[in-house]
């Protein structure tokens, strides 16, 4: 188990039953980076990965 799994598990437990839009998620990511600029690169990588998930299906 990675250290980050604890945060992911907490997110799932606290908010797992909620439905959100990608617009809402994008706004939360922007706010997080504004408050934590050192995390700009990892957040950018995560956002890009999420945006391109369907492209991986095309390569298979």
N, C-alpha and C. Protein backbone atom coordinates (compact mmCIF):
# COMPACT_ATOMS: atom_id res chain seq x y z
N UNK A 1 0.85 -1.18 0.00
CA UNK A 1 0.00 0.00 0.00
C UNK A 1 0.89 1.24 0.00
N UNK A 2 0.60 2.15 -0.91
CA UNK A 2 1.31 3.41 -0.97
C UNK A 2 0.77 4.35 0.10
N UNK A 3 1.58 5.31 0.51
CA UNK A 3 1.16 6.30 1.48
C UNK A 3 -0.08 7.03 0.99
N UNK A 4 -0.14 7.33 -0.33
CA UNK A 4 -1.28 8.07 -0.88
C UNK A 4 -2.57 7.29 -0.82
N UNK A 5 -2.47 5.97 -0.69
CA UNK A 5 -3.69 5.16 -0.61
C UNK A 5 -4.56 5.56 0.58
N UNK A 6 -3.94 6.01 1.66
CA UNK A 6 -4.73 6.41 2.83
C UNK A 6 -5.62 7.59 2.49
N UNK A 7 -5.07 8.55 1.77
CA UNK A 7 -5.88 9.70 1.37
C UNK A 7 -6.97 9.32 0.40
N UNK A 8 -6.65 8.42 -0.52
CA UNK A 8 -7.64 7.96 -1.48
C UNK A 8 -8.75 7.20 -0.76
N UNK A 9 -8.37 6.37 0.20
CA UNK A 9 -9.38 5.63 0.97
C UNK A 9 -10.26 6.58 1.78
N UNK A 10 -9.66 7.61 2.36
CA UNK A 10 -10.47 8.59 3.12
C UNK A 10 -11.44 9.30 2.19
N UNK A 11 -10.97 9.68 1.01
CA UNK A 11 -11.84 10.33 0.03
C UNK A 11 -13.00 9.42 -0.33
N UNK A 12 -12.71 8.17 -0.58
CA UNK A 12 -13.75 7.22 -0.94
C UNK A 12 -14.76 7.03 0.20
N UNK A 13 -14.26 6.94 1.44
CA UNK A 13 -15.15 6.75 2.58
C UNK A 13 -16.01 7.97 2.84
N UNK A 14 -15.42 9.15 2.77
CA UNK A 14 -16.15 10.38 3.11
C UNK A 14 -17.08 10.84 1.99
N UNK A 15 -16.64 10.68 0.73
CA UNK A 15 -17.38 11.28 -0.37
C UNK A 15 -17.72 10.30 -1.49
N UNK A 16 -17.50 9.02 -1.23
CA UNK A 16 -17.67 8.01 -2.26
C UNK A 16 -19.06 7.91 -2.85
N UNK A 17 -20.06 8.29 -2.10
CA UNK A 17 -21.43 8.18 -2.61
C UNK A 17 -21.88 9.44 -3.36
N UNK A 18 -21.05 10.48 -3.36
CA UNK A 18 -21.41 11.73 -4.04
C UNK A 18 -21.14 11.63 -5.53
N UNK A 19 -21.86 12.42 -6.30
CA UNK A 19 -21.60 12.56 -7.72
C UNK A 19 -21.15 13.98 -7.98
N UNK A 20 -20.08 14.12 -8.77
CA UNK A 20 -19.54 15.44 -9.10
C UNK A 20 -19.32 15.53 -10.60
N UNK A 21 -19.23 16.74 -11.08
CA UNK A 21 -18.91 16.96 -12.49
C UNK A 21 -17.41 17.18 -12.63
N UNK A 22 -16.92 17.00 -13.84
CA UNK A 22 -15.52 17.30 -14.08
C UNK A 22 -15.26 18.80 -13.98
N UNK A 23 -16.27 19.60 -14.25
CA UNK A 23 -16.15 21.05 -14.07
C UNK A 23 -15.88 21.36 -12.59
N UNK A 24 -16.61 20.72 -11.69
CA UNK A 24 -16.40 20.92 -10.25
C UNK A 24 -15.00 20.44 -9.86
N UNK A 25 -14.61 19.26 -10.34
CA UNK A 25 -13.29 18.72 -10.03
C UNK A 25 -12.19 19.64 -10.52
N UNK A 26 -12.32 20.16 -11.73
CA UNK A 26 -11.31 21.08 -12.27
C UNK A 26 -11.18 22.32 -11.39
N UNK A 27 -12.29 22.85 -10.93
CA UNK A 27 -12.26 24.03 -10.05
C UNK A 27 -11.57 23.70 -8.73
N UNK A 28 -11.83 22.53 -8.17
CA UNK A 28 -11.18 22.13 -6.92
C UNK A 28 -9.68 21.96 -7.12
N UNK A 29 -9.28 21.40 -8.25
CA UNK A 29 -7.86 21.24 -8.55
C UNK A 29 -7.18 22.61 -8.70
N UNK A 30 -7.85 23.55 -9.36
CA UNK A 30 -7.29 24.91 -9.48
C UNK A 30 -7.13 25.56 -8.11
N UNK A 31 -8.13 25.43 -7.28
CA UNK A 31 -8.05 26.00 -5.93
C UNK A 31 -6.92 25.36 -5.14
N UNK A 32 -6.79 24.04 -5.23
CA UNK A 32 -5.72 23.34 -4.53
C UNK A 32 -4.35 23.84 -4.97
N UNK A 33 -4.15 24.01 -6.28
CA UNK A 33 -2.86 24.49 -6.78
C UNK A 33 -2.62 25.93 -6.37
N UNK A 34 -3.67 26.75 -6.35
CA UNK A 34 -3.51 28.13 -5.88
C UNK A 34 -3.02 28.16 -4.44
N UNK A 35 -3.54 27.26 -3.62
CA UNK A 35 -3.15 27.20 -2.21
C UNK A 35 -1.85 26.44 -1.98
N UNK A 36 -1.49 25.57 -2.92
CA UNK A 36 -0.31 24.71 -2.79
C UNK A 36 0.47 24.69 -4.10
N UNK A 37 1.12 25.79 -4.47
CA UNK A 37 1.77 25.87 -5.78
C UNK A 37 2.86 24.82 -6.01
N UNK A 38 3.42 24.27 -4.95
CA UNK A 38 4.44 23.23 -5.12
C UNK A 38 3.88 21.97 -5.76
N UNK A 39 2.56 21.82 -5.75
CA UNK A 39 1.92 20.62 -6.30
C UNK A 39 1.40 20.84 -7.72
N UNK A 40 1.79 21.93 -8.34
CA UNK A 40 1.29 22.24 -9.68
C UNK A 40 1.59 21.12 -10.69
N UNK A 41 2.81 20.62 -10.69
CA UNK A 41 3.19 19.60 -11.67
C UNK A 41 2.43 18.29 -11.44
N UNK A 42 2.38 17.74 -10.21
CA UNK A 42 1.62 16.51 -10.04
C UNK A 42 0.13 16.66 -10.36
N UNK A 43 -0.46 17.80 -10.01
CA UNK A 43 -1.88 18.01 -10.30
C UNK A 43 -2.08 18.10 -11.82
N UNK A 44 -1.16 18.78 -12.51
CA UNK A 44 -1.24 18.87 -13.96
C UNK A 44 -1.14 17.49 -14.60
N UNK A 45 -0.25 16.66 -14.08
CA UNK A 45 -0.11 15.29 -14.61
C UNK A 45 -1.37 14.47 -14.37
N UNK A 46 -1.94 14.59 -13.17
CA UNK A 46 -3.17 13.87 -12.87
C UNK A 46 -4.30 14.34 -13.79
N UNK A 47 -4.45 15.64 -13.95
CA UNK A 47 -5.52 16.18 -14.80
C UNK A 47 -5.36 15.71 -16.24
N UNK A 48 -4.13 15.73 -16.74
CA UNK A 48 -3.87 15.28 -18.11
C UNK A 48 -4.17 13.79 -18.25
N UNK A 49 -3.76 13.01 -17.27
CA UNK A 49 -4.02 11.57 -17.29
C UNK A 49 -5.53 11.30 -17.32
N UNK A 50 -6.27 11.99 -16.46
CA UNK A 50 -7.72 11.82 -16.43
C UNK A 50 -8.36 12.24 -17.76
N UNK A 51 -7.88 13.33 -18.32
CA UNK A 51 -8.43 13.84 -19.58
C UNK A 51 -8.21 12.87 -20.73
N UNK A 52 -7.13 12.10 -20.67
CA UNK A 52 -6.76 11.24 -21.80
C UNK A 52 -7.05 9.76 -21.57
N UNK A 53 -7.79 9.42 -20.53
CA UNK A 53 -8.08 8.02 -20.25
C UNK A 53 -8.67 7.28 -21.44
N UNK A 54 -9.58 7.91 -22.15
CA UNK A 54 -10.22 7.24 -23.28
C UNK A 54 -9.26 6.99 -24.43
N UNK A 55 -8.19 7.76 -24.53
CA UNK A 55 -7.20 7.55 -25.59
C UNK A 55 -6.48 6.23 -25.40
N UNK A 56 -6.29 5.80 -24.15
CA UNK A 56 -5.64 4.52 -23.89
C UNK A 56 -6.47 3.38 -24.45
N UNK A 57 -7.78 3.49 -24.38
CA UNK A 57 -8.67 2.46 -24.92
C UNK A 57 -8.50 2.33 -26.43
N UNK A 58 -8.22 3.46 -27.10
CA UNK A 58 -8.05 3.44 -28.55
C UNK A 58 -6.78 2.72 -28.96
N UNK A 59 -5.76 2.72 -28.08
CA UNK A 59 -4.48 2.09 -28.39
C UNK A 59 -4.51 0.58 -28.25
N UNK A 60 -5.50 0.05 -27.50
CA UNK A 60 -5.56 -1.39 -27.23
C UNK A 60 -6.08 -2.15 -28.42
